Amino acid sequence: MADALGPTPPEVDRAQAWLRRVFTDPRTGQLVDVDTSRRRFDGTVRRFFRLRDHFCRIPFCDAPIEDHDHIARHSDGGATSIDNGMGICRRFNLVKEMPGWHTEVIHGAGPPGSHPHTVVITTPTGKTYRSTSPPVPGARTKRPDLGVIDLYFTTRLAQAS
């Protein structure tokens, strides 16, 4: 039985047909959005996070995804959207609610959808970490600009000598 927020995740998983559109950026192969109008991340969006995030998105954590949570809290006006959600382990879901922790979605230069999903995590001591979603396995992506790579290695070699 569906509640006021819509069907529960087990109900969605048992549904014979549940249509949602999943959008990818054709240039980068990144998953960028899915139709949603709910408060909770339901079965479709939960599966999207597992595809996009693979494991807990916290740097240096490779725990399996157990929770699907808002990056900016829903109670603080955070949207229930692909950009404002991520798959994380249970430990970090509890830790990030402690005083002093801050999580924020950032985007690189360019229009929406032209970037991988990137989150900045700030600890109570002020240390910041960036977490960027990996590309979808098997996705065709734009080849890197070899001139930039050559410049990087040339600069690194010059600094080393």
N, C-alpha and C. Protein backbone atom coordinates (compact mmCIF):
# COMPACT_ATOMS: atom_id res chain seq x y z
N MET A 1 0.85 -1.18 0.00
CA MET A 1 0.00 0.00 0.00
C MET A 1 0.89 1.24 0.00
N ALA A 2 0.66 2.15 -0.90
CA ALA A 2 1.45 3.37 -1.01
C ALA A 2 1.09 4.33 0.10
N ASP A 3 2.08 5.02 0.65
CA ASP A 3 1.82 6.03 1.67
C ASP A 3 1.76 7.40 1.00
N ALA A 4 1.72 8.47 1.79
CA ALA A 4 1.59 9.83 1.24
C ALA A 4 2.77 10.22 0.37
N LEU A 5 3.91 9.57 0.55
CA LEU A 5 5.10 9.90 -0.23
C LEU A 5 5.25 9.02 -1.46
N GLY A 6 4.29 8.17 -1.72
CA GLY A 6 4.38 7.30 -2.88
C GLY A 6 4.65 5.87 -2.46
N PRO A 7 4.86 4.99 -3.42
CA PRO A 7 5.11 3.59 -3.09
C PRO A 7 6.43 3.41 -2.35
N THR A 8 6.48 2.40 -1.52
CA THR A 8 7.71 2.10 -0.78
C THR A 8 8.70 1.44 -1.73
N PRO A 9 10.00 1.45 -1.40
CA PRO A 9 10.98 0.78 -2.28
C PRO A 9 10.65 -0.68 -2.59
N PRO A 10 10.21 -1.49 -1.59
CA PRO A 10 9.85 -2.87 -1.95
C PRO A 10 8.68 -2.93 -2.93
N GLU A 11 7.70 -2.01 -2.78
CA GLU A 11 6.58 -1.99 -3.72
C GLU A 11 7.04 -1.62 -5.13
N VAL A 12 7.95 -0.67 -5.22
CA VAL A 12 8.47 -0.28 -6.52
C VAL A 12 9.21 -1.45 -7.16
N ASP A 13 10.00 -2.16 -6.36
CA ASP A 13 10.75 -3.30 -6.90
C ASP A 13 9.83 -4.42 -7.38
N ARG A 14 8.64 -4.58 -6.75
CA ARG A 14 7.69 -5.63 -7.15
C ARG A 14 6.80 -5.21 -8.31
N ALA A 15 6.78 -3.92 -8.63
CA ALA A 15 5.90 -3.43 -9.70
C ALA A 15 6.23 -4.11 -11.03
N GLN A 16 5.21 -4.39 -11.81
CA GLN A 16 5.44 -5.02 -13.10
C GLN A 16 6.02 -4.03 -14.09
N ALA A 17 5.63 -2.78 -13.99
CA ALA A 17 6.16 -1.74 -14.88
C ALA A 17 6.22 -0.44 -14.10
N TRP A 18 7.40 0.15 -14.08
CA TRP A 18 7.58 1.43 -13.41
C TRP A 18 8.51 2.23 -14.30
N LEU A 19 7.98 3.19 -15.00
CA LEU A 19 8.77 3.89 -16.01
C LEU A 19 9.34 5.18 -15.45
N ARG A 20 10.61 5.34 -15.63
CA ARG A 20 11.32 6.57 -15.31
C ARG A 20 12.36 6.76 -16.40
N ARG A 21 12.60 7.98 -16.76
CA ARG A 21 13.64 8.25 -17.75
C ARG A 21 14.96 8.45 -17.02
N VAL A 22 16.02 7.85 -17.54
CA VAL A 22 17.38 8.02 -17.03
C VAL A 22 18.16 8.74 -18.12
N PHE A 23 18.83 9.84 -17.75
CA PHE A 23 19.53 10.66 -18.72
C PHE A 23 21.04 10.53 -18.56
N THR A 24 21.75 10.42 -19.69
CA THR A 24 23.21 10.41 -19.68
C THR A 24 23.71 11.55 -20.56
N ASP A 25 24.90 12.02 -20.25
CA ASP A 25 25.54 13.04 -21.07
C ASP A 25 26.22 12.31 -22.23
N PRO A 26 25.83 12.61 -23.48
CA PRO A 26 26.40 11.87 -24.60
C PRO A 26 27.89 12.11 -24.80
N ARG A 27 28.42 13.23 -24.32
CA ARG A 27 29.85 13.51 -24.48
C ARG A 27 30.70 12.75 -23.49
N THR A 28 30.26 12.71 -22.21
CA THR A 28 31.10 12.12 -21.16
C THR A 28 30.69 10.72 -20.74
N GLY A 29 29.44 10.34 -21.06
CA GLY A 29 28.96 9.03 -20.62
C GLY A 29 28.52 9.01 -19.18
N GLN A 30 28.50 10.16 -18.50
CA GLN A 30 28.09 10.23 -17.10
C GLN A 30 26.57 10.15 -16.99
N LEU A 31 26.08 9.44 -15.97
CA LEU A 31 24.66 9.50 -15.65
C LEU A 31 24.42 10.86 -15.02
N VAL A 32 23.42 11.61 -15.51
CA VAL A 32 23.25 12.98 -15.04
C VAL A 32 21.90 13.27 -14.40
N ASP A 33 20.85 12.50 -14.70
CA ASP A 33 19.57 12.81 -14.09
C ASP A 33 18.58 11.68 -14.31
N VAL A 34 17.49 11.74 -13.55
CA VAL A 34 16.38 10.82 -13.69
C VAL A 34 15.13 11.57 -13.26
N ASP A 35 14.00 11.24 -13.85
CA ASP A 35 12.75 11.88 -13.43
C ASP A 35 12.48 11.57 -11.97
N THR A 36 12.15 12.59 -11.19
CA THR A 36 11.79 12.36 -9.80
C THR A 36 10.94 13.51 -9.29
N SER A 37 10.00 13.20 -8.45
CA SER A 37 9.19 14.23 -7.80
C SER A 37 8.88 13.80 -6.37
N ARG A 38 9.69 12.96 -5.81
CA ARG A 38 9.43 12.39 -4.49
C ARG A 38 10.38 12.95 -3.44
N ARG A 39 10.04 12.75 -2.18
CA ARG A 39 10.88 13.13 -1.05
C ARG A 39 11.94 12.06 -0.79
N ARG A 40 11.52 10.80 -0.91
CA ARG A 40 12.45 9.69 -0.69
C ARG A 40 13.07 9.27 -2.01
N PHE A 41 14.26 8.71 -1.92
CA PHE A 41 14.89 8.13 -3.09
C PHE A 41 14.34 6.72 -3.22
N ASP A 42 13.49 6.49 -4.23
CA ASP A 42 12.84 5.20 -4.39
C ASP A 42 13.73 4.21 -5.13
N GLY A 43 13.17 3.06 -5.49
CA GLY A 43 13.93 1.98 -6.10
C GLY A 43 14.68 2.38 -7.36
N THR A 44 14.05 3.18 -8.23
CA THR A 44 14.70 3.57 -9.48
C THR A 44 15.91 4.46 -9.20
N VAL A 45 15.72 5.46 -8.35
CA VAL A 45 16.82 6.38 -8.04
C VAL A 45 17.89 5.66 -7.23
N ARG A 46 17.51 4.76 -6.37
CA ARG A 46 18.49 3.97 -5.60
C ARG A 46 19.37 3.15 -6.55
N ARG A 47 18.75 2.55 -7.56
CA ARG A 47 19.53 1.80 -8.54
C ARG A 47 20.44 2.73 -9.34
N PHE A 48 19.94 3.93 -9.65
CA PHE A 48 20.76 4.93 -10.35
C PHE A 48 22.01 5.23 -9.54
N PHE A 49 21.87 5.46 -8.20
CA PHE A 49 23.03 5.76 -7.35
C PHE A 49 24.01 4.59 -7.35
N ARG A 50 23.52 3.37 -7.33
CA ARG A 50 24.42 2.21 -7.36
C ARG A 50 25.19 2.14 -8.68
N LEU A 51 24.52 2.47 -9.78
CA LEU A 51 25.20 2.50 -11.08
C LEU A 51 26.21 3.63 -11.16
N ARG A 52 25.82 4.80 -10.68
CA ARG A 52 26.70 5.97 -10.79
C ARG A 52 27.83 5.92 -9.77
N ASP A 53 27.53 5.57 -8.54
CA ASP A 53 28.51 5.71 -7.46
C ASP A 53 29.34 4.45 -7.19
N HIS A 54 28.84 3.28 -7.52
CA HIS A 54 29.53 1.99 -7.34
C HIS A 54 29.69 1.62 -5.86
N PHE A 55 30.41 2.43 -5.08
CA PHE A 55 30.67 2.19 -3.66
C PHE A 55 30.40 3.48 -2.91
N CYS A 56 30.57 3.46 -1.60
CA CYS A 56 30.42 4.68 -0.80
C CYS A 56 31.28 5.78 -1.42
N ARG A 57 30.70 6.96 -1.58
CA ARG A 57 31.38 8.05 -2.28
C ARG A 57 32.38 8.81 -1.42
N ILE A 58 32.52 8.44 -0.18
CA ILE A 58 33.44 9.15 0.70
C ILE A 58 34.87 8.72 0.37
N PRO A 59 35.77 9.71 0.17
CA PRO A 59 37.15 9.35 -0.16
C PRO A 59 37.75 8.37 0.86
N PHE A 60 38.48 7.42 0.36
CA PHE A 60 39.17 6.39 1.15
C PHE A 60 38.22 5.36 1.76
N CYS A 61 36.96 5.36 1.34
CA CYS A 61 35.99 4.37 1.83
C CYS A 61 35.52 3.56 0.63
N ASP A 62 35.66 2.26 0.71
CA ASP A 62 35.16 1.42 -0.38
C ASP A 62 34.07 0.48 0.12
N ALA A 63 33.36 0.93 1.16
CA ALA A 63 32.26 0.14 1.71
C ALA A 63 31.10 0.09 0.72
N PRO A 64 30.30 -0.95 0.80
CA PRO A 64 29.13 -1.01 -0.08
C PRO A 64 28.13 0.10 0.26
N ILE A 65 27.36 0.50 -0.73
CA ILE A 65 26.32 1.51 -0.51
C ILE A 65 25.20 0.87 0.30
N GLU A 66 24.89 1.47 1.43
CA GLU A 66 23.78 1.01 2.26
C GLU A 66 22.68 2.06 2.33
N ASP A 67 23.03 3.33 2.24
CA ASP A 67 22.07 4.42 2.38
C ASP A 67 22.10 5.30 1.14
N HIS A 68 20.99 5.91 0.86
CA HIS A 68 20.83 6.83 -0.26
C HIS A 68 20.27 8.10 0.36
N ASP A 69 21.09 9.14 0.38
CA ASP A 69 20.73 10.30 1.19
C ASP A 69 20.91 11.60 0.44
N HIS A 70 20.20 12.62 0.92
CA HIS A 70 20.35 13.97 0.39
C HIS A 70 21.71 14.53 0.81
N ILE A 71 22.36 15.23 -0.09
CA ILE A 71 23.63 15.89 0.25
C ILE A 71 23.31 17.16 1.03
N ALA A 72 22.48 18.03 0.47
CA ALA A 72 21.91 19.15 1.24
C ALA A 72 20.61 18.62 1.82
N ARG A 73 20.47 18.68 3.14
CA ARG A 73 19.31 18.08 3.80
C ARG A 73 17.99 18.55 3.21
N HIS A 74 17.06 17.63 3.10
CA HIS A 74 15.72 17.96 2.62
C HIS A 74 15.07 18.97 3.56
N SER A 75 15.27 18.81 4.84
CA SER A 75 14.68 19.73 5.83
C SER A 75 15.26 21.14 5.72
N ASP A 76 16.43 21.28 5.10
CA ASP A 76 17.04 22.60 4.87
C ASP A 76 16.75 23.12 3.47
N GLY A 77 15.83 22.47 2.75
CA GLY A 77 15.46 22.90 1.41
C GLY A 77 16.16 22.15 0.29
N GLY A 78 16.93 21.13 0.62
CA GLY A 78 17.61 20.34 -0.41
C GLY A 78 16.62 19.56 -1.25
N ALA A 79 16.83 19.55 -2.54
CA ALA A 79 15.91 18.87 -3.46
C ALA A 79 16.12 17.36 -3.45
N THR A 80 15.06 16.64 -3.74
CA THR A 80 15.17 15.20 -3.95
C THR A 80 15.47 15.03 -5.43
N SER A 81 16.75 15.02 -5.75
CA SER A 81 17.19 14.97 -7.14
C SER A 81 18.46 14.14 -7.23
N ILE A 82 18.79 13.76 -8.45
CA ILE A 82 20.01 13.00 -8.68
C ILE A 82 21.23 13.80 -8.23
N ASP A 83 21.27 15.10 -8.57
CA ASP A 83 22.42 15.92 -8.19
C ASP A 83 22.55 16.09 -6.68
N ASN A 84 21.43 16.08 -5.94
CA ASN A 84 21.49 16.30 -4.50
C ASN A 84 21.43 15.00 -3.71
N GLY A 85 21.75 13.89 -4.33
CA GLY A 85 21.76 12.63 -3.62
C GLY A 85 22.98 11.83 -3.97
N MET A 86 23.30 10.87 -3.10
CA MET A 86 24.41 9.97 -3.39
C MET A 86 24.27 8.72 -2.55
N GLY A 87 24.94 7.67 -3.03
CA GLY A 87 24.99 6.42 -2.30
C GLY A 87 26.17 6.45 -1.34
N ILE A 88 25.91 6.16 -0.07
CA ILE A 88 26.96 6.19 0.94
C ILE A 88 26.81 5.02 1.91
N CYS A 89 27.84 4.78 2.67
CA CYS A 89 27.79 3.72 3.68
C CYS A 89 27.02 4.23 4.90
N ARG A 90 26.55 3.34 5.72
CA ARG A 90 25.78 3.69 6.91
C ARG A 90 26.60 4.57 7.86
N ARG A 91 27.89 4.25 8.00
CA ARG A 91 28.75 5.01 8.92
C ARG A 91 28.78 6.48 8.54
N PHE A 92 29.05 6.79 7.25
CA PHE A 92 29.14 8.20 6.88
C PHE A 92 27.78 8.88 6.94
N ASN A 93 26.71 8.16 6.67
CA ASN A 93 25.39 8.77 6.77
C ASN A 93 25.15 9.27 8.19
N LEU A 94 25.62 8.55 9.17
CA LEU A 94 25.47 8.99 10.57
C LEU A 94 26.47 10.09 10.90
N VAL A 95 27.71 9.96 10.44
CA VAL A 95 28.77 10.93 10.74
C VAL A 95 28.43 12.31 10.18
N LYS A 96 27.92 12.37 8.96
CA LYS A 96 27.69 13.67 8.33
C LYS A 96 26.60 14.49 9.01
N GLU A 97 25.81 13.86 9.88
CA GLU A 97 24.79 14.59 10.63
C GLU A 97 25.34 15.21 11.92
N MET A 98 26.58 14.91 12.24
CA MET A 98 27.19 15.46 13.46
C MET A 98 27.58 16.91 13.24
N PRO A 99 27.64 17.71 14.29
CA PRO A 99 28.00 19.13 14.15
C PRO A 99 29.36 19.31 13.49
N GLY A 100 29.44 20.30 12.61
CA GLY A 100 30.70 20.64 11.97
C GLY A 100 30.92 20.02 10.60
N TRP A 101 30.16 19.00 10.24
CA TRP A 101 30.30 18.36 8.93
C TRP A 101 29.44 19.10 7.92
N HIS A 102 29.97 19.24 6.70
CA HIS A 102 29.23 19.93 5.63
C HIS A 102 29.48 19.20 4.32
N THR A 103 28.42 18.95 3.58
CA THR A 103 28.55 18.36 2.25
C THR A 103 27.86 19.27 1.25
N GLU A 104 28.45 19.38 0.07
CA GLU A 104 27.92 20.29 -0.93
C GLU A 104 28.23 19.75 -2.32
N VAL A 105 27.27 19.86 -3.21
CA VAL A 105 27.49 19.47 -4.60
C VAL A 105 28.09 20.66 -5.33
N ILE A 106 29.17 20.41 -6.07
CA ILE A 106 29.76 21.46 -6.89
C ILE A 106 29.79 20.99 -8.33
N HIS A 107 29.93 21.91 -9.24
CA HIS A 107 30.00 21.57 -10.65
C HIS A 107 31.14 22.34 -11.28
N GLY A 108 31.77 21.73 -12.28
CA GLY A 108 32.81 22.41 -13.02
C GLY A 108 32.21 23.43 -13.96
N ALA A 109 33.07 24.13 -14.68
CA ALA A 109 32.60 25.10 -15.66
C ALA A 109 31.83 24.37 -16.75
N GLY A 110 30.81 25.02 -17.24
CA GLY A 110 30.03 24.44 -18.33
C GLY A 110 28.58 24.27 -17.93
N PRO A 111 27.75 23.93 -18.89
CA PRO A 111 26.32 23.78 -18.62
C PRO A 111 26.03 22.55 -17.77
N PRO A 112 24.86 22.52 -17.09
CA PRO A 112 24.50 21.33 -16.31
C PRO A 112 24.54 20.08 -17.18
N GLY A 113 25.01 19.00 -16.62
CA GLY A 113 25.11 17.74 -17.35
C GLY A 113 26.42 17.57 -18.08
N SER A 114 27.27 18.61 -18.08
CA SER A 114 28.54 18.50 -18.79
C SER A 114 29.68 18.12 -17.85
N HIS A 115 29.36 17.65 -16.69
CA HIS A 115 30.36 17.36 -15.66
C HIS A 115 30.01 16.08 -14.93
N PRO A 116 30.98 15.41 -14.35
CA PRO A 116 30.66 14.30 -13.46
C PRO A 116 30.13 14.85 -12.14
N HIS A 117 29.37 14.06 -11.44
CA HIS A 117 28.81 14.45 -10.15
C HIS A 117 29.95 14.59 -9.14
N THR A 118 30.14 15.78 -8.59
CA THR A 118 31.23 16.04 -7.65
C THR A 118 30.67 16.63 -6.36
N VAL A 119 31.12 16.07 -5.25
CA VAL A 119 30.69 16.51 -3.92
C VAL A 119 31.92 16.94 -3.13
N VAL A 120 31.81 18.07 -2.43
CA VAL A 120 32.86 18.51 -1.52
C VAL A 120 32.40 18.19 -0.10
N ILE A 121 33.25 17.51 0.65
CA ILE A 121 32.97 17.15 2.03
C ILE A 121 33.94 17.92 2.91
N THR A 122 33.40 18.67 3.87
CA THR A 122 34.23 19.44 4.80
C THR A 122 34.05 18.85 6.19
N THR A 123 35.18 18.53 6.84
CA THR A 123 35.15 17.96 8.18
C THR A 123 35.09 19.07 9.22
N PRO A 124 34.81 18.74 10.48
CA PRO A 124 34.78 19.77 11.53
C PRO A 124 36.12 20.51 11.71
N THR A 125 37.22 19.91 11.28
CA THR A 125 38.52 20.57 11.40
C THR A 125 38.83 21.48 10.21
N GLY A 126 37.92 21.50 9.21
CA GLY A 126 38.11 22.36 8.05
C GLY A 126 38.77 21.67 6.87
N LYS A 127 39.15 20.42 7.01
CA LYS A 127 39.74 19.67 5.91
C LYS A 127 38.66 19.37 4.87
N THR A 128 38.99 19.56 3.59
CA THR A 128 38.01 19.30 2.54
C THR A 128 38.47 18.15 1.65
N TYR A 129 37.51 17.39 1.18
CA TYR A 129 37.74 16.28 0.27
C TYR A 129 36.75 16.40 -0.87
N ARG A 130 37.18 16.01 -2.07
CA ARG A 130 36.29 15.97 -3.23
C ARG A 130 36.03 14.53 -3.60
N SER A 131 34.79 14.27 -3.94
CA SER A 131 34.40 12.94 -4.40
C SER A 131 33.71 13.10 -5.75
N THR A 132 34.30 12.51 -6.78
CA THR A 132 33.74 12.59 -8.13
C THR A 132 33.30 11.21 -8.58
N SER A 133 32.10 11.15 -9.14
CA SER A 133 31.58 9.85 -9.59
C SER A 133 32.40 9.31 -10.75
N PRO A 134 32.61 8.00 -10.77
CA PRO A 134 33.36 7.40 -11.87
C PRO A 134 32.49 7.33 -13.12
N PRO A 135 33.10 7.19 -14.31
CA PRO A 135 32.28 7.02 -15.52
C PRO A 135 31.56 5.68 -15.49
N VAL A 136 30.48 5.60 -16.22
CA VAL A 136 29.72 4.37 -16.32
C VAL A 136 30.57 3.34 -17.04
N PRO A 137 30.68 2.11 -16.52
CA PRO A 137 31.48 1.09 -17.20
C PRO A 137 31.00 0.89 -18.64
N GLY A 138 31.93 0.88 -19.57
CA GLY A 138 31.61 0.66 -20.97
C GLY A 138 31.13 1.88 -21.71
N ALA A 139 31.02 3.03 -21.02
CA ALA A 139 30.54 4.24 -21.69
C ALA A 139 31.62 4.80 -22.60
N ARG A 140 31.19 5.30 -23.74
CA ARG A 140 32.14 5.95 -24.64
C ARG A 140 32.28 7.39 -24.19
N THR A 141 33.48 7.80 -23.95
CA THR A 141 33.73 9.16 -23.49
C THR A 141 34.61 9.89 -24.48
N LYS A 142 34.62 11.20 -24.37
CA LYS A 142 35.46 12.03 -25.22
C LYS A 142 36.92 11.75 -24.90
N ARG A 143 37.73 11.61 -25.93
CA ARG A 143 39.16 11.36 -25.72
C ARG A 143 39.80 12.59 -25.09
N PRO A 144 40.76 12.41 -24.19
CA PRO A 144 41.42 13.56 -23.57
C PRO A 144 42.26 14.33 -24.58
N ASP A 145 42.44 15.61 -24.29
CA ASP A 145 43.30 16.47 -25.11
C ASP A 145 44.74 16.10 -24.79
N LEU A 146 45.42 15.44 -25.73
CA LEU A 146 46.77 14.96 -25.48
C LEU A 146 47.75 16.10 -25.25
N GLY A 147 47.47 17.28 -25.80
CA GLY A 147 48.33 18.43 -25.57
C GLY A 147 48.35 18.80 -24.10
N VAL A 148 47.22 18.71 -23.43
CA VAL A 148 47.15 19.03 -22.00
C VAL A 148 47.93 17.99 -21.21
N ILE A 149 47.80 16.72 -21.58
CA ILE A 149 48.53 15.66 -20.88
C ILE A 149 50.03 15.84 -21.10
N ASP A 150 50.46 16.13 -22.34
CA ASP A 150 51.88 16.35 -22.62
C ASP A 150 52.40 17.53 -21.81
N LEU A 151 51.60 18.60 -21.73
CA LEU A 151 52.01 19.78 -20.95
C LEU A 151 52.16 19.42 -19.48
N TYR A 152 51.24 18.62 -18.96
CA TYR A 152 51.31 18.20 -17.57
C TYR A 152 52.60 17.43 -17.30
N PHE A 153 52.89 16.43 -18.12
CA PHE A 153 54.09 15.62 -17.90
C PHE A 153 55.37 16.43 -18.13
N THR A 154 55.37 17.34 -19.10
CA THR A 154 56.53 18.19 -19.33
C THR A 154 56.78 19.07 -18.11
N THR A 155 55.70 19.63 -17.55
CA THR A 155 55.82 20.47 -16.36
C THR A 155 56.33 19.66 -15.18
N ARG A 156 55.78 18.44 -14.99
CA ARG A 156 56.20 17.59 -13.89
C ARG A 156 57.67 17.19 -14.02
N LEU A 157 58.11 16.89 -15.25
CA LEU A 157 59.51 16.53 -15.46
C LEU A 157 60.43 17.72 -15.18
N ALA A 158 60.00 18.91 -15.58
CA ALA A 158 60.81 20.11 -15.34
C ALA A 158 60.93 20.38 -13.83
N GLN A 159 59.84 20.15 -13.10
CA GLN A 159 59.86 20.37 -11.64
C GLN A 159 60.73 19.35 -10.94
N ALA A 160 60.80 18.14 -11.49
CA ALA A 160 61.57 17.07 -10.86
C ALA A 160 63.07 17.26 -11.02
N SER A 161 63.49 18.00 -12.07
CA SER A 161 64.92 18.14 -12.30
C SER A 161 65.49 19.38 -11.66
